[in-house]
Amino acid sequence: MRFLAGVMSGFRERLERDRKRNGAEGLVWKGDAELHAFFRGRHPHIRFTRRAASTASEAYSRGRAAGRELVLHRGVRSGPSAGAPRLLPAKS
């Protein structure tokens, strides 16, 4: 459990670091409306709270290091993307 908390903390640090770097370059993150809608549709009763956590363990430190290196990519969709050109002509 502490490792997972460390991963989440490290990933949040990475996102904050990237947000600051992008802001310095003039890029602004607008958010992702589809992601928010998907999350709320899938988990309508989730509530966010904060509480103090012990960060002095080896597991937490290793998780935090792993979280800083974590890279998430958008999933591959089946079928043509909205607005993307078709690669093959339609069958006649």
C-alpha atoms as a PDB file:
ATOM      1  CA  MET A   1       0.000   0.000   0.000  1.00  0.00           C
ATOM      2  CA  ARG A   2       2.836   2.413   0.775  1.00  0.00           C
ATOM      3  CA  PHE A   3       4.515   1.619  -2.544  1.00  0.00           C
ATOM      4  CA  LEU A   4       1.318   2.512  -4.403  1.00  0.00           C
ATOM      5  CA  ALA A   5       0.962   5.757  -2.436  1.00  0.00           C
ATOM      6  CA  GLY A   6       4.568   6.562  -3.415  1.00  0.00           C
ATOM      7  CA  VAL A   7       3.847   5.859  -7.098  1.00  0.00           C
ATOM      8  CA  MET A   8       0.882   8.233  -7.035  1.00  0.00           C
ATOM      9  CA  SER A   9       2.918  10.901  -5.262  1.00  0.00           C
ATOM     10  CA  GLY A  10       5.834  10.560  -7.690  1.00  0.00           C
ATOM     11  CA  PHE A  11       3.530  10.674 -10.718  1.00  0.00           C
ATOM     12  CA  ARG A  12       1.851  13.823  -9.365  1.00  0.00           C
ATOM     13  CA  GLU A  13       5.317  15.385  -8.963  1.00  0.00           C
ATOM     14  CA  ARG A  14       6.113  14.508 -12.570  1.00  0.00           C
ATOM     15  CA  LEU A  15       2.871  16.063 -13.817  1.00  0.00           C
ATOM     16  CA  GLU A  16       3.538  19.237 -11.821  1.00  0.00           C
ATOM     17  CA  ARG A  17       7.106  19.435 -13.141  1.00  0.00           C
ATOM     18  CA  ASP A  18       5.878  18.991 -16.722  1.00  0.00           C
ATOM     19  CA  ARG A  19       3.128  21.589 -16.198  1.00  0.00           C
ATOM     20  CA  LYS A  20       5.670  24.162 -14.983  1.00  0.00           C
ATOM     21  CA  ARG A  21       8.065  23.383 -17.850  1.00  0.00           C
ATOM     22  CA  ASN A  22       5.272  23.667 -20.417  1.00  0.00           C
ATOM     23  CA  GLY A  23       4.082  26.928 -18.843  1.00  0.00           C
ATOM     24  CA  ALA A  24       7.586  28.358 -19.186  1.00  0.00           C
ATOM     25  CA  GLU A  25       7.460  27.441 -22.879  1.00  0.00           C
ATOM     26  CA  GLY A  26       4.089  29.173 -23.295  1.00  0.00           C
ATOM     27  CA  LEU A  27       1.989  25.991 -23.428  1.00  0.00           C
ATOM     28  CA  VAL A  28      -1.210  25.830 -21.387  1.00  0.00           C
ATOM     29  CA  TRP A  29      -2.976  22.601 -20.337  1.00  0.00           C
ATOM     30  CA  LYS A  30      -6.742  22.881 -20.909  1.00  0.00           C
ATOM     31  CA  GLY A  31      -7.606  19.532 -19.399  1.00  0.00           C
ATOM     32  CA  ASP A  32      -9.345  16.615 -21.009  1.00  0.00           C
ATOM     33  CA  ALA A  33     -13.148  16.813 -20.993  1.00  0.00           C
ATOM     34  CA  GLU A  34     -13.496  13.255 -22.341  1.00  0.00           C
ATOM     35  CA  LEU A  35     -11.359  11.884 -19.526  1.00  0.00           C
ATOM     36  CA  HIS A  36     -13.387  13.731 -16.881  1.00  0.00           C
ATOM     37  CA  ALA A  37     -16.689  12.538 -18.382  1.00  0.00           C
ATOM     38  CA  PHE A  38     -15.416   8.938 -18.622  1.00  0.00           C
ATOM     39  CA  PHE A  39     -14.180   8.944 -15.028  1.00  0.00           C
ATOM     40  CA  ARG A  40     -17.434  10.409 -13.664  1.00  0.00           C
ATOM     41  CA  GLY A  41     -19.522   7.974 -15.711  1.00  0.00           C
ATOM     42  CA  ARG A  42     -17.483   5.015 -14.514  1.00  0.00           C
ATOM     43  CA  HIS A  43     -17.160   6.142 -10.883  1.00  0.00           C
ATOM     44  CA  PRO A  44     -20.115   8.440 -10.071  1.00  0.00           C
ATOM     45  CA  HIS A  45     -19.782   8.160  -6.285  1.00  0.00           C
ATOM     46  CA  ILE A  46     -16.051   8.877  -5.887  1.00  0.00           C
ATOM     47  CA  ARG A  47     -15.186  11.613  -3.387  1.00  0.00           C
ATOM     48  CA  PHE A  48     -11.684  13.004  -2.942  1.00  0.00           C
ATOM     49  CA  THR A  49     -10.220  13.455   0.527  1.00  0.00           C
ATOM     50  CA  ARG A  50      -6.778  14.092   1.944  1.00  0.00           C
ATOM     51  CA  ARG A  51      -5.064  12.598   4.921  1.00  0.00           C
ATOM     52  CA  ALA A  52      -1.546  12.469   6.288  1.00  0.00           C
ATOM     53  CA  ALA A  53       0.564   9.518   5.200  1.00  0.00           C
ATOM     54  CA  SER A  54       3.810   8.084   6.455  1.00  0.00           C
ATOM     55  CA  THR A  55       6.504   8.812   3.863  1.00  0.00           C
ATOM     56  CA  ALA A  56       9.502   7.472   5.787  1.00  0.00           C
ATOM     57  CA  SER A  57       9.396   3.893   4.483  1.00  0.00           C
ATOM     58  CA  GLU A  58      11.585   2.234   1.872  1.00  0.00           C
ATOM     59  CA  ALA A  59       8.506   1.079  -0.078  1.00  0.00           C
ATOM     60  CA  TYR A  60       7.163   4.640  -0.319  1.00  0.00           C
ATOM     61  CA  SER A  61      10.529   5.982  -1.516  1.00  0.00           C
ATOM     62  CA  ARG A  62      10.829   3.310  -4.202  1.00  0.00           C
ATOM     63  CA  GLY A  63       7.246   3.869  -5.310  1.00  0.00           C
ATOM     64  CA  ARG A  64       7.821   7.609  -5.546  1.00  0.00           C
ATOM     65  CA  ALA A  65      10.897   7.045  -7.721  1.00  0.00           C
ATOM     66  CA  ALA A  66       8.879   4.697  -9.963  1.00  0.00           C
ATOM     67  CA  GLY A  67       6.054   7.245 -10.198  1.00  0.00           C
ATOM     68  CA  ARG A  68       8.447   9.958 -11.402  1.00  0.00           C
ATOM     69  CA  GLU A  69       9.426   7.676 -14.301  1.00  0.00           C
ATOM     70  CA  LEU A  70       5.873   6.594 -15.177  1.00  0.00           C
ATOM     71  CA  VAL A  71       4.647   7.470 -18.688  1.00  0.00           C
ATOM     72  CA  LEU A  72       1.007   7.010 -19.689  1.00  0.00           C
ATOM     73  CA  HIS A  73      -0.033   6.957 -23.340  1.00  0.00           C
ATOM     74  CA  ARG A  74      -3.516   7.402 -24.727  1.00  0.00           C
ATOM     75  CA  GLY A  75      -5.088   4.056 -25.669  1.00  0.00           C
ATOM     76  CA  VAL A  76      -5.560   2.854 -29.234  1.00  0.00           C
ATOM     77  CA  ARG A  77      -9.140   3.136 -30.451  1.00  0.00           C
ATOM     78  CA  SER A  78     -10.780   0.721 -32.836  1.00  0.00           C
ATOM     79  CA  GLY A  79     -12.099   2.196 -36.040  1.00  0.00           C
ATOM     80  CA  PRO A  80     -11.161   5.511 -37.626  1.00  0.00           C
ATOM     81  CA  SER A  81     -10.540   8.448 -35.322  1.00  0.00           C
ATOM     82  CA  ALA A  82     -12.774  11.491 -35.605  1.00  0.00           C
ATOM     83  CA  GLY A  83     -11.383  13.747 -38.311  1.00  0.00           C
ATOM     84  CA  ALA A  84      -8.602  11.336 -39.312  1.00  0.00           C
ATOM     85  CA  PRO A  85      -8.232  10.417 -42.971  1.00  0.00           C
ATOM     86  CA  ARG A  86      -9.069   6.858 -43.948  1.00  0.00           C
ATOM     87  CA  LEU A  87      -6.056   4.810 -44.893  1.00  0.00           C
ATOM     88  CA  LEU A  88      -7.891   2.532 -47.304  1.00  0.00           C
ATOM     89  CA  PRO A  89     -10.675   3.480 -49.682  1.00  0.00           C
ATOM     90  CA  ALA A  90     -14.202   2.311 -48.802  1.00  0.00           C
ATOM     91  CA  LYS A  91     -15.346  -0.921 -50.472  1.00  0.00           C
ATOM     92  CA  SER A  92     -17.562  -0.407 -53.514  1.00  0.00           C
END
